[in-house]
Protein backbone atom coordinates (compact mmCIF):
# COMPACT_ATOMS: atom_id res chain seq x y z
CA UNK A 1 -28.44 6.35 49.41
CA UNK A 2 -26.91 3.45 47.54
CA UNK A 3 -27.84 -0.17 48.04
CA UNK A 4 -25.14 -2.80 47.81
CA UNK A 5 -26.13 -5.72 45.62
CA UNK A 6 -23.50 -8.44 45.54
CA UNK A 7 -22.48 -10.30 42.42
CA UNK A 8 -22.38 -14.09 42.65
CA UNK A 9 -20.06 -15.57 39.99
CA UNK A 10 -20.86 -19.08 38.82
CA UNK A 11 -17.39 -20.43 39.48
CA UNK A 12 -16.44 -23.17 37.06
CA UNK A 13 -18.28 -21.52 34.12
CA UNK A 14 -15.55 -19.00 33.25
CA UNK A 15 -13.96 -18.95 29.81
CA UNK A 16 -10.89 -17.11 28.54
CA UNK A 17 -11.36 -16.26 24.87
CA UNK A 18 -8.42 -15.23 22.68
CA UNK A 19 -9.36 -12.10 20.73
CA UNK A 20 -7.87 -10.49 17.64
CA UNK A 21 -8.72 -8.13 14.79
CA UNK A 22 -10.96 -10.82 13.29
CA UNK A 23 -14.25 -11.56 15.07
CA UNK A 24 -14.35 -14.68 17.25
CA UNK A 25 -17.72 -16.39 17.82
CA UNK A 26 -18.57 -18.18 21.07
CA UNK A 27 -21.72 -20.33 21.30
CA UNK A 28 -21.16 -22.17 24.59
CA UNK A 29 -22.17 -19.40 27.02
CA UNK A 30 -23.12 -20.44 30.59
CA UNK A 31 -26.73 -21.67 30.44
CA UNK A 32 -27.94 -21.29 34.03
CA UNK A 33 -26.81 -17.73 34.77
CA UNK A 34 -28.92 -14.58 34.46
CA UNK A 35 -25.98 -12.32 33.66
CA UNK A 36 -22.55 -12.45 32.09
CA UNK A 37 -19.53 -10.67 33.53
CA UNK A 38 -17.18 -9.64 30.71
CA UNK A 39 -13.62 -8.46 31.34
CA UNK A 40 -11.23 -7.33 28.60
CA UNK A 41 -7.58 -8.26 29.11
CA UNK A 42 -4.75 -6.69 27.12
CA UNK A 43 -6.86 -4.80 24.55
CA UNK A 44 -10.20 -3.04 24.31
CA UNK A 45 -12.87 -5.39 22.92
CA UNK A 46 -16.12 -4.85 21.10
CA UNK A 47 -18.76 -7.46 21.96
CA UNK A 48 -22.18 -8.46 20.64
CA UNK A 49 -24.39 -10.94 22.51
CA UNK A 50 -27.39 -12.28 20.59
CA UNK A 51 -29.76 -15.20 20.18
CA UNK A 52 -29.67 -15.17 16.37
CA UNK A 53 -27.29 -16.93 14.02
CA UNK A 54 -25.87 -13.52 13.04
CA UNK A 55 -23.01 -13.05 15.48
CA UNK A 56 -21.14 -10.51 13.38
CA UNK A 57 -19.58 -7.77 15.47
CA UNK A 58 -18.42 -4.31 14.52
CA UNK A 59 -16.91 -1.44 16.43
CA UNK A 60 -20.40 -0.04 16.99
CA UNK A 61 -21.20 -2.88 19.39
CA UNK A 62 -20.59 -2.79 23.14
CA UNK A 63 -17.14 -1.51 24.23
CA UNK A 64 -15.27 -3.10 27.11
CA UNK A 65 -12.58 -0.96 28.68
CA UNK A 66 -9.07 -2.44 28.74
CA UNK A 67 -8.50 -4.21 32.11
CA UNK A 68 -9.66 -1.22 34.16
CA UNK A 69 -13.33 -2.15 34.11
CA UNK A 70 -15.77 -4.97 33.59
CA UNK A 71 -19.22 -5.04 32.05
CA UNK A 72 -22.11 -6.94 33.57
CA UNK A 73 -24.95 -7.63 31.15
CA UNK A 74 -28.29 -9.41 31.41
CA UNK A 75 -28.13 -12.60 29.41
CA UNK A 76 -31.78 -13.66 29.25
CA UNK A 77 -32.20 -16.06 26.35
CA UNK A 78 -29.06 -14.85 24.60
CA UNK A 79 -26.81 -17.74 23.68
CA UNK A 80 -24.10 -16.45 21.33
CA UNK A 81 -21.30 -13.96 21.71
CA UNK A 82 -19.00 -12.38 19.15
CA UNK A 83 -15.92 -10.35 20.07
CA UNK A 84 -13.27 -8.39 18.17
CA UNK A 85 -10.19 -6.43 19.34
CA UNK A 86 -9.34 -3.72 16.81
CA UNK A 87 -6.03 -3.09 18.60
CA UNK A 88 -4.79 -6.65 18.09
CA UNK A 89 -4.35 -9.72 20.26
CA UNK A 90 -5.98 -9.74 23.67
CA UNK A 91 -8.35 -11.82 25.76
CA UNK A 92 -11.91 -11.66 26.99
CA UNK A 93 -12.90 -13.37 30.23
CA UNK A 94 -16.55 -14.44 30.30
CA UNK A 95 -18.21 -15.87 33.41
CA UNK A 96 -21.85 -16.45 34.26
CA UNK A 97 -23.16 -14.72 37.37
CA UNK A 98 -26.25 -13.55 39.23
CA UNK A 99 -26.73 -10.29 41.04
CA UNK A 100 -26.56 -6.62 40.12
CA UNK A 101 -26.91 -5.42 36.52
CA UNK A 102 -26.16 -2.27 34.58
CA UNK A 103 -22.51 -1.68 35.48
């Protein structure tokens, strides 16, 4: 038996980040949300979320599937994100949210 657990996006906190073959660092993640919803647009993206100054990302980090899926991750105290698209130009939509995790 499954239990439905809704996701509550923090509207107004969303960001659209241009991605490319060179890593892009983002330090202004939503502060008051427990999770981040990440959606790749146009290209697969590799993402690393951390609290350290090292925001380097490689293709061994988390994979987001190209526009057919989204990833919901627990943010905790993590405050920095790095993203790269090995396939070229794309976008990553990042929005803070509360609700279900582990998708």
